[in-house]
Amino acid sequence: MAGKDTYKYHLKQGHRTICRGITYDLTLREIECQQNYPGSRIQQVGRKTTHEAALKWERRGAKRLYKISKQSKNQGKRGNKPEVARE
């Protein structure tokens, strides 16, 4: 089993995410990134993880997968649309 030694991060400037990636050392990465983006900061995403899992997260575009609620699944099906008052 590989050790959990890799961090996932978002580089932020204000409330805006500039870039995202993976690293072994968040402090060193923040110093490197501040040369190109002064005033930026690193925000860790999740916990430390294995390098393979972090690469998978990065390849996926670092996008969060959201579950669809039952309500939004039912919308658009016949009989579940809201009634419209007609005159």
PDB file of N, CA and C in Angstrom:
ATOM      1  N   MET A   1       0.840  -1.179   0.000  1.00  0.00           N
ATOM      2  CA  MET A   1       0.000   0.000   0.000  1.00  0.00           C
ATOM      3  C   MET A   1       0.885   1.242   0.000  1.00  0.00           C
ATOM      4  N   ALA A   2       0.598   2.161  -0.893  1.00  0.00           N
ATOM      5  CA  ALA A   2       1.362   3.404  -0.997  1.00  0.00           C
ATOM      6  C   ALA A   2       0.949   4.358   0.121  1.00  0.00           C
ATOM      7  N   GLY A   3       1.890   5.160   0.578  1.00  0.00           N
ATOM      8  CA  GLY A   3       1.603   6.114   1.653  1.00  0.00           C
ATOM      9  C   GLY A   3       0.824   7.317   1.169  1.00  0.00           C
ATOM     10  N   LYS A   4       0.114   7.913   2.087  1.00  0.00           N
ATOM     11  CA  LYS A   4      -0.652   9.117   1.775  1.00  0.00           C
ATOM     12  C   LYS A   4       0.262  10.311   1.982  1.00  0.00           C
ATOM     13  N   ASP A   5       0.829  10.808   0.887  1.00  0.00           N
ATOM     14  CA  ASP A   5       1.819  11.860   0.983  1.00  0.00           C
ATOM     15  C   ASP A   5       1.559  13.035   0.049  1.00  0.00           C
ATOM     16  N   THR A   6       0.436  13.042  -0.641  1.00  0.00           N
ATOM     17  CA  THR A   6       0.161  14.059  -1.652  1.00  0.00           C
ATOM     18  C   THR A   6      -1.026  14.916  -1.241  1.00  0.00           C
ATOM     19  N   TYR A   7      -0.893  16.227  -1.431  1.00  0.00           N
ATOM     20  CA  TYR A   7      -1.960  17.185  -1.141  1.00  0.00           C
ATOM     21  C   TYR A   7      -2.624  17.626  -2.438  1.00  0.00           C
ATOM     22  N   LYS A   8      -3.918  17.858  -2.383  1.00  0.00           N
ATOM     23  CA  LYS A   8      -4.658  18.487  -3.476  1.00  0.00           C
ATOM     24  C   LYS A   8      -4.907  19.929  -3.037  1.00  0.00           C
ATOM     25  N   TYR A   9      -4.819  20.870  -3.959  1.00  0.00           N
ATOM     26  CA  TYR A   9      -4.977  22.267  -3.564  1.00  0.00           C
ATOM     27  C   TYR A   9      -5.653  23.103  -4.644  1.00  0.00           C
ATOM     28  N   HIS A  10      -6.216  24.220  -4.220  1.00  0.00           N
ATOM     29  CA  HIS A  10      -6.693  25.287  -5.097  1.00  0.00           C
ATOM     30  C   HIS A  10      -5.845  26.501  -4.797  1.00  0.00           C
ATOM     31  N   LEU A  11      -5.372  27.184  -5.811  1.00  0.00           N
ATOM     32  CA  LEU A  11      -4.662  28.443  -5.646  1.00  0.00           C
ATOM     33  C   LEU A  11      -5.698  29.544  -5.812  1.00  0.00           C
ATOM     34  N   LYS A  12      -5.848  30.388  -4.788  1.00  0.00           N
ATOM     35  CA  LYS A  12      -6.900  31.402  -4.791  1.00  0.00           C
ATOM     36  C   LYS A  12      -6.309  32.793  -4.680  1.00  0.00           C
ATOM     37  N   GLN A  13      -6.966  33.713  -5.339  1.00  0.00           N
ATOM     38  CA  GLN A  13      -6.653  35.124  -5.214  1.00  0.00           C
ATOM     39  C   GLN A  13      -7.984  35.817  -4.946  1.00  0.00           C
ATOM     40  N   GLY A  14      -8.170  36.278  -3.713  1.00  0.00           N
ATOM     41  CA  GLY A  14      -9.480  36.743  -3.298  1.00  0.00           C
ATOM     42  C   GLY A  14     -10.390  35.525  -3.164  1.00  0.00           C
ATOM     43  N   HIS A  15     -11.564  35.603  -3.784  1.00  0.00           N
ATOM     44  CA  HIS A  15     -12.490  34.458  -3.765  1.00  0.00           C
ATOM     45  C   HIS A  15     -12.388  33.628  -5.035  1.00  0.00           C
ATOM     46  N   ARG A  16     -11.540  34.045  -5.957  1.00  0.00           N
ATOM     47  CA  ARG A  16     -11.433  33.398  -7.262  1.00  0.00           C
ATOM     48  C   ARG A  16     -10.360  32.313  -7.247  1.00  0.00           C
ATOM     49  N   THR A  17     -10.684  31.140  -7.788  1.00  0.00           N
ATOM     50  CA  THR A  17      -9.710  30.067  -7.927  1.00  0.00           C
ATOM     51  C   THR A  17      -8.938  30.295  -9.215  1.00  0.00           C
ATOM     52  N   ILE A  18      -7.631  30.455  -9.095  1.00  0.00           N
ATOM     53  CA  ILE A  18      -6.781  30.710 -10.258  1.00  0.00           C
ATOM     54  C   ILE A  18      -6.377  29.402 -10.920  1.00  0.00           C
ATOM     55  N   CYS A  19      -5.910  28.458 -10.113  1.00  0.00           N
ATOM     56  CA  CYS A  19      -5.549  27.146 -10.641  1.00  0.00           C
ATOM     57  C   CYS A  19      -5.663  26.118  -9.529  1.00  0.00           C
ATOM     58  N   ARG A  20      -5.510  24.870  -9.881  1.00  0.00           N
ATOM     59  CA  ARG A  20      -5.596  23.780  -8.917  1.00  0.00           C
ATOM     60  C   ARG A  20      -4.599  22.711  -9.319  1.00  0.00           C
ATOM     61  N   GLY A  21      -4.197  21.922  -8.347  1.00  0.00           N
ATOM     62  CA  GLY A  21      -3.212  20.903  -8.658  1.00  0.00           C
ATOM     63  C   GLY A  21      -2.900  20.036  -7.458  1.00  0.00           C
ATOM     64  N   ILE A  22      -1.763  19.321  -7.555  1.00  0.00           N
ATOM     65  CA  ILE A  22      -1.327  18.432  -6.488  1.00  0.00           C
ATOM     66  C   ILE A  22       0.135  18.738  -6.174  1.00  0.00           C
ATOM     67  N   THR A  23       0.542  18.455  -4.933  1.00  0.00           N
ATOM     68  CA  THR A  23       1.913  18.696  -4.508  1.00  0.00           C
ATOM     69  C   THR A  23       2.240  17.857  -3.274  1.00  0.00           C
ATOM     70  N   TYR A  24       3.531  17.700  -3.020  1.00  0.00           N
ATOM     71  CA  TYR A  24       3.975  17.022  -1.807  1.00  0.00           C
ATOM     72  C   TYR A  24       4.154  18.012  -0.658  1.00  0.00           C
ATOM     73  N   ASP A  25       4.390  19.307  -0.980  1.00  0.00           N
ATOM     74  CA  ASP A  25       4.675  20.314   0.035  1.00  0.00           C
ATOM     75  C   ASP A  25       3.874  21.586  -0.265  1.00  0.00           C
ATOM     76  N   LEU A  26       2.823  21.838   0.516  1.00  0.00           N
ATOM     77  CA  LEU A  26       1.959  22.996   0.279  1.00  0.00           C
ATOM     78  C   LEU A  26       2.687  24.317   0.478  1.00  0.00           C
ATOM     79  N   THR A  27       3.534  24.411   1.485  1.00  0.00           N
ATOM     80  CA  THR A  27       4.242  25.656   1.777  1.00  0.00           C
ATOM     81  C   THR A  27       5.176  26.038   0.628  1.00  0.00           C
ATOM     82  N   LEU A  28       5.949  25.072   0.152  1.00  0.00           N
ATOM     83  CA  LEU A  28       6.859  25.328  -0.959  1.00  0.00           C
ATOM     84  C   LEU A  28       6.087  25.711  -2.216  1.00  0.00           C
ATOM     85  N   ARG A  29       4.985  25.022  -2.483  1.00  0.00           N
ATOM     86  CA  ARG A  29       4.171  25.325  -3.667  1.00  0.00           C
ATOM     87  C   ARG A  29       3.585  26.734  -3.583  1.00  0.00           C
ATOM     88  N   GLU A  30       3.164  27.145  -2.390  1.00  0.00           N
ATOM     89  CA  GLU A  30       2.607  28.489  -2.220  1.00  0.00           C
ATOM     90  C   GLU A  30       3.664  29.553  -2.510  1.00  0.00           C
ATOM     91  N   ILE A  31       4.881  29.337  -2.040  1.00  0.00           N
ATOM     92  CA  ILE A  31       5.972  30.279  -2.305  1.00  0.00           C
ATOM     93  C   ILE A  31       6.252  30.367  -3.810  1.00  0.00           C
ATOM     94  N   GLU A  32       6.270  29.226  -4.490  1.00  0.00           N
ATOM     95  CA  GLU A  32       6.492  29.195  -5.936  1.00  0.00           C
ATOM     96  C   GLU A  32       5.383  29.928  -6.684  1.00  0.00           C
ATOM     97  N   CYS A  33       4.146  29.700  -6.280  1.00  0.00           N
ATOM     98  CA  CYS A  33       3.004  30.308  -6.975  1.00  0.00           C
ATOM     99  C   CYS A  33       2.921  31.812  -6.741  1.00  0.00           C
ATOM    100  N   GLN A  34       3.375  32.281  -5.590  1.00  0.00           N
ATOM    101  CA  GLN A  34       3.307  33.710  -5.303  1.00  0.00           C
ATOM    102  C   GLN A  34       4.260  34.517  -6.168  1.00  0.00           C
ATOM    103  N   GLN A  35       5.230  33.881  -6.789  1.00  0.00           N
ATOM    104  CA  GLN A  35       6.095  34.587  -7.727  1.00  0.00           C
ATOM    105  C   GLN A  35       5.308  35.008  -8.970  1.00  0.00           C
ATOM    106  N   ASN A  36       4.392  34.152  -9.422  1.00  0.00           N
ATOM    107  CA  ASN A  36       3.568  34.457 -10.597  1.00  0.00           C
ATOM    108  C   ASN A  36       2.274  35.178 -10.230  1.00  0.00           C
ATOM    109  N   TYR A  37       1.748  34.911  -9.058  1.00  0.00           N
ATOM    110  CA  TYR A  37       0.477  35.479  -8.607  1.00  0.00           C
ATOM    111  C   TYR A  37       0.652  36.100  -7.219  1.00  0.00           C
ATOM    112  N   PRO A  38       1.189  37.323  -7.138  1.00  0.00           N
ATOM    113  CA  PRO A  38       1.400  37.953  -5.820  1.00  0.00           C
ATOM    114  C   PRO A  38       0.074  38.110  -5.068  1.00  0.00           C
ATOM    115  N   GLY A  39       0.105  37.829  -3.779  1.00  0.00           N
ATOM    116  CA  GLY A  39      -1.094  37.953  -2.957  1.00  0.00           C
ATOM    117  C   GLY A  39      -2.000  36.742  -2.987  1.00  0.00           C
ATOM    118  N   SER A  40      -1.595  35.698  -3.704  1.00  0.00           N
ATOM    119  CA  SER A  40      -2.415  34.482  -3.771  1.00  0.00           C
ATOM    120  C   SER A  40      -2.142  33.615  -2.557  1.00  0.00           C
ATOM    121  N   ARG A  41      -3.028  32.648  -2.343  1.00  0.00           N
ATOM    122  CA  ARG A  41      -2.860  31.722  -1.232  1.00  0.00           C
ATOM    123  C   ARG A  41      -3.310  30.339  -1.671  1.00  0.00           C
ATOM    124  N   ILE A  42      -2.813  29.338  -0.985  1.00  0.00           N
ATOM    125  CA  ILE A  42      -3.168  27.946  -1.279  1.00  0.00           C
ATOM    126  C   ILE A  42      -4.216  27.483  -0.277  1.00  0.00           C
ATOM    127  N   GLN A  43      -5.252  26.832  -0.796  1.00  0.00           N
ATOM    128  CA  GLN A  43      -6.276  26.241   0.062  1.00  0.00           C
ATOM    129  C   GLN A  43      -6.259  24.736  -0.177  1.00  0.00           C
ATOM    130  N   GLN A  44      -5.986  23.987   0.869  1.00  0.00           N
ATOM    131  CA  GLN A  44      -5.952  22.534   0.754  1.00  0.00           C
ATOM    132  C   GLN A  44      -7.350  22.011   0.476  1.00  0.00           C
ATOM    133  N   VAL A  45      -7.435  21.016  -0.406  1.00  0.00           N
ATOM    134  CA  VAL A  45      -8.704  20.384  -0.740  1.00  0.00           C
ATOM    135  C   VAL A  45      -8.672  18.964  -0.201  1.00  0.00           C
ATOM    136  N   GLY A  46      -9.555  18.671   0.735  1.00  0.00           N
ATOM    137  CA  GLY A  46      -9.610  17.324   1.299  1.00  0.00           C
ATOM    138  C   GLY A  46      -8.400  17.013   2.168  1.00  0.00           C
ATOM    139  N   ARG A  47      -8.168  15.732   2.358  1.00  0.00           N
ATOM    140  CA  ARG A  47      -7.064  15.255   3.194  1.00  0.00           C
ATOM    141  C   ARG A  47      -5.879  14.858   2.324  1.00  0.00           C
ATOM    142  N   LYS A  48      -4.774  14.523   2.985  1.00  0.00           N
ATOM    143  CA  LYS A  48      -3.644  13.933   2.268  1.00  0.00           C
ATOM    144  C   LYS A  48      -4.131  12.647   1.616  1.00  0.00           C
ATOM    145  N   THR A  49      -3.569  12.345   0.465  1.00  0.00           N
ATOM    146  CA  THR A  49      -4.018  11.163  -0.256  1.00  0.00           C
ATOM    147  C   THR A  49      -2.830  10.512  -0.951  1.00  0.00           C
ATOM    148  N   THR A  50      -3.066   9.384  -1.577  1.00  0.00           N
ATOM    149  CA  THR A  50      -1.997   8.731  -2.335  1.00  0.00           C
ATOM    150  C   THR A  50      -1.764   9.509  -3.626  1.00  0.00           C
ATOM    151  N   HIS A  51      -0.575   9.364  -4.182  1.00  0.00           N
ATOM    152  CA  HIS A  51      -0.245  10.084  -5.410  1.00  0.00           C
ATOM    153  C   HIS A  51      -1.158   9.637  -6.561  1.00  0.00           C
ATOM    154  N   GLU A  52      -1.479   8.364  -6.624  1.00  0.00           N
ATOM    155  CA  GLU A  52      -2.340   7.848  -7.691  1.00  0.00           C
ATOM    156  C   GLU A  52      -3.746   8.449  -7.608  1.00  0.00           C
ATOM    157  N   ALA A  53      -4.298   8.535  -6.394  1.00  0.00           N
ATOM    158  CA  ALA A  53      -5.637   9.107  -6.222  1.00  0.00           C
ATOM    159  C   ALA A  53      -5.626  10.593  -6.544  1.00  0.00           C
ATOM    160  N   ALA A  54      -4.542  11.284  -6.177  1.00  0.00           N
ATOM    161  CA  ALA A  54      -4.433  12.716  -6.471  1.00  0.00           C
ATOM    162  C   ALA A  54      -4.335  12.951  -7.977  1.00  0.00           C
ATOM    163  N   LEU A  55      -3.591  12.118  -8.681  1.00  0.00           N
ATOM    164  CA  LEU A  55      -3.506  12.241 -10.142  1.00  0.00           C
ATOM    165  C   LEU A  55      -4.866  12.015 -10.794  1.00  0.00           C
ATOM    166  N   LYS A  56      -5.601  11.048 -10.278  1.00  0.00           N
ATOM    167  CA  LYS A  56      -6.942  10.774 -10.804  1.00  0.00           C
ATOM    168  C   LYS A  56      -7.832  11.997 -10.611  1.00  0.00           C
ATOM    169  N   TRP A  57      -7.754  12.634  -9.431  1.00  0.00           N
ATOM    170  CA  TRP A  57      -8.524  13.850  -9.137  1.00  0.00           C
ATOM    171  C   TRP A  57      -8.138  14.963 -10.092  1.00  0.00           C
ATOM    172  N   GLU A  58      -6.844  15.097 -10.343  1.00  0.00           N
ATOM    173  CA  GLU A  58      -6.351  16.160 -11.224  1.00  0.00           C
ATOM    174  C   GLU A  58      -6.771  15.914 -12.668  1.00  0.00           C
ATOM    175  N   ARG A  59      -6.695  14.682 -13.127  1.00  0.00           N
ATOM    176  CA  ARG A  59      -7.097  14.338 -14.501  1.00  0.00           C
ATOM    177  C   ARG A  59      -8.580  14.558 -14.727  1.00  0.00           C
ATOM    178  N   ARG A  60      -9.360  14.351 -13.674  1.00  0.00           N
ATOM    179  CA  ARG A  60     -10.806  14.533 -13.755  1.00  0.00           C
ATOM    180  C   ARG A  60     -11.147  16.012 -13.856  1.00  0.00           C
ATOM    181  N   GLY A  61     -10.146  16.854 -13.811  1.00  0.00           N
ATOM    182  CA  GLY A  61     -10.373  18.283 -13.905  1.00  0.00           C
ATOM    183  C   GLY A  61     -10.667  18.888 -12.557  1.00  0.00           C
ATOM    184  N   ALA A  62     -10.424  18.133 -11.507  1.00  0.00           N
ATOM    185  CA  ALA A  62     -10.654  18.592 -10.141  1.00  0.00           C
ATOM    186  C   ALA A  62     -12.082  19.068  -9.951  1.00  0.00           C
ATOM    187  N   LYS A  63     -12.993  18.469 -10.667  1.00  0.00           N
ATOM    188  CA  LYS A  63     -14.399  18.846 -10.562  1.00  0.00           C
ATOM    189  C   LYS A  63     -15.089  17.973  -9.530  1.00  0.00           C
ATOM    190  N   ARG A  64     -15.921  18.584  -8.758  1.00  0.00           N
ATOM    191  CA  ARG A  64     -16.679  17.850  -7.754  1.00  0.00           C
ATOM    192  C   ARG A  64     -17.885  17.218  -8.429  1.00  0.00           C
ATOM    193  N   LEU A  65     -18.135  15.967  -8.137  1.00  0.00           N
ATOM    194  CA  LEU A  65     -19.290  15.278  -8.691  1.00  0.00           C
ATOM    195  C   LEU A  65     -20.461  15.434  -7.734  1.00  0.00           C
ATOM    196  N   TYR A  66     -21.531  16.010  -8.218  1.00  0.00           N
ATOM    197  CA  TYR A  66     -22.698  16.240  -7.386  1.00  0.00           C
ATOM    198  C   TYR A  66     -23.753  15.178  -7.652  1.00  0.00           C
ATOM    199  N   LYS A  67     -24.432  14.773  -6.577  1.00  0.00           N
ATOM    200  CA  LYS A  67     -25.525  13.822  -6.720  1.00  0.00           C
ATOM    201  C   LYS A  67     -26.791  14.581  -7.088  1.00  0.00           C
ATOM    202  N   ILE A  68     -27.619  13.965  -7.899  1.00  0.00           N
ATOM    203  CA  ILE A  68     -28.889  14.578  -8.277  1.00  0.00           C
ATOM    204  C   ILE A  68     -29.926  14.173  -7.247  1.00  0.00           C
ATOM    205  N   SER A  69     -30.625  15.155  -6.698  1.00  0.00           N
ATOM    206  CA  SER A  69     -31.636  14.860  -5.689  1.00  0.00           C
ATOM    207  C   SER A  69     -32.862  14.235  -6.346  1.00  0.00           C
ATOM    208  N   LYS A  70     -33.690  13.573  -5.544  1.00  0.00           N
ATOM    209  CA  LYS A  70     -34.904  12.955  -6.064  1.00  0.00           C
ATOM    210  C   LYS A  70     -35.817  14.000  -6.695  1.00  0.00           C
ATOM    211  N   GLN A  71     -35.881  15.170  -6.085  1.00  0.00           N
ATOM    212  CA  GLN A  71     -36.762  16.214  -6.590  1.00  0.00           C
ATOM    213  C   GLN A  71     -36.364  16.621  -8.007  1.00  0.00           C
ATOM    214  N   SER A  72     -35.072  16.834  -8.256  1.00  0.00           N
ATOM    215  CA  SER A  72     -34.652  17.253  -9.581  1.00  0.00           C
ATOM    216  C   SER A  72     -34.744  16.104 -10.587  1.00  0.00           C
ATOM    217  N   LYS A  73     -34.659  14.840 -10.125  1.00  0.00           N
ATOM    218  CA  LYS A  73     -34.853  13.710 -11.025  1.00  0.00           C
ATOM    219  C   LYS A  73     -36.293  13.653 -11.516  1.00  0.00           C
ATOM    220  N   ASN A  74     -37.236  13.962 -10.612  1.00  0.00           N
ATOM    221  CA  ASN A  74     -38.650  13.868 -10.948  1.00  0.00           C
ATOM    222  C   ASN A  74     -39.139  15.042 -11.785  1.00  0.00           C
ATOM    223  N   GLN A  75     -38.452  16.148 -11.749  1.00  0.00           N
ATOM    224  CA  GLN A  75     -38.891  17.296 -12.528  1.00  0.00           C
ATOM    225  C   GLN A  75     -38.757  16.959 -14.010  1.00  0.00           C
ATOM    226  N   GLY A  76     -39.750  17.328 -14.753  1.00  0.00           N
ATOM    227  CA  GLY A  76     -39.717  17.073 -16.175  1.00  0.00           C
ATOM    228  C   GLY A  76     -40.393  15.782 -16.586  1.00  0.00           C
ATOM    229  N   LYS A  77     -40.694  14.904 -15.643  1.00  0.00           N
ATOM    230  CA  LYS A  77     -41.415  13.688 -15.981  1.00  0.00           C
ATOM    231  C   LYS A  77     -42.905  14.010 -16.053  1.00  0.00           C
ATOM    232  N   ARG A  78     -43.619  13.243 -16.833  1.00  0.00           N
ATOM    233  CA  ARG A  78     -45.049  13.477 -17.004  1.00  0.00           C
ATOM    234  C   ARG A  78     -45.767  13.363 -15.670  1.00  0.00           C
ATOM    235  N   GLY A  79     -46.619  14.333 -15.384  1.00  0.00           N
ATOM    236  CA  GLY A  79     -47.412  14.306 -14.169  1.00  0.00           C
ATOM    237  C   GLY A  79     -46.749  14.988 -12.993  1.00  0.00           C
ATOM    238  N   ASN A  80     -45.508  15.351 -13.092  1.00  0.00           N
ATOM    239  CA  ASN A  80     -44.804  15.992 -11.984  1.00  0.00           C
ATOM    240  C   ASN A  80     -44.533  17.465 -12.220  1.00  0.00           C
ATOM    241  N   LYS A  81     -45.022  17.996 -13.334  1.00  0.00           N
ATOM    242  CA  LYS A  81     -44.811  19.406 -13.612  1.00  0.00           C
ATOM    243  C   LYS A  81     -45.818  20.230 -12.806  1.00  0.00           C
ATOM    244  N   PRO A  82     -45.431  21.411 -12.386  1.00  0.00           N
ATOM    245  CA  PRO A  82     -46.379  22.252 -11.649  1.00  0.00           C
ATOM    246  C   PRO A  82     -47.531  22.690 -12.542  1.00  0.00           C
ATOM    247  N   GLU A  83     -48.696  22.786 -11.954  1.00  0.00           N
ATOM    248  CA  GLU A  83     -49.874  23.203 -12.689  1.00  0.00           C
ATOM    249  C   GLU A  83     -49.820  24.699 -12.973  1.00  0.00           C
ATOM    250  N   VAL A  84     -50.255  25.091 -14.163  1.00  0.00           N
ATOM    251  CA  VAL A  84     -50.287  26.499 -14.551  1.00  0.00           C
ATOM    252  C   VAL A  84     -51.737  26.917 -14.609  1.00  0.00           C
ATOM    253  N   ALA A  85     -52.069  28.004 -13.920  1.00  0.00           N
ATOM    254  CA  ALA A  85     -53.455  28.494 -13.920  1.00  0.00           C
ATOM    255  C   ALA A  85     -53.769  29.085 -15.279  1.00  0.00           C
ATOM    256  N   ARG A  86     -54.904  28.668 -15.837  1.00  0.00           N
ATOM    257  CA  ARG A  86     -55.337  29.189 -17.156  1.00  0.00           C
ATOM    258  C   ARG A  86     -56.638  29.924 -16.983  1.00  0.00           C
ATOM    259  N   GLU A  87     -56.783  30.976 -17.729  1.00  0.00           N
ATOM    260  CA  GLU A  87     -58.026  31.768 -17.633  1.00  0.00           C
ATOM    261  C   GLU A  87     -58.904  31.522 -18.825  1.00  0.00           C
TER     262      GLU A  87
END
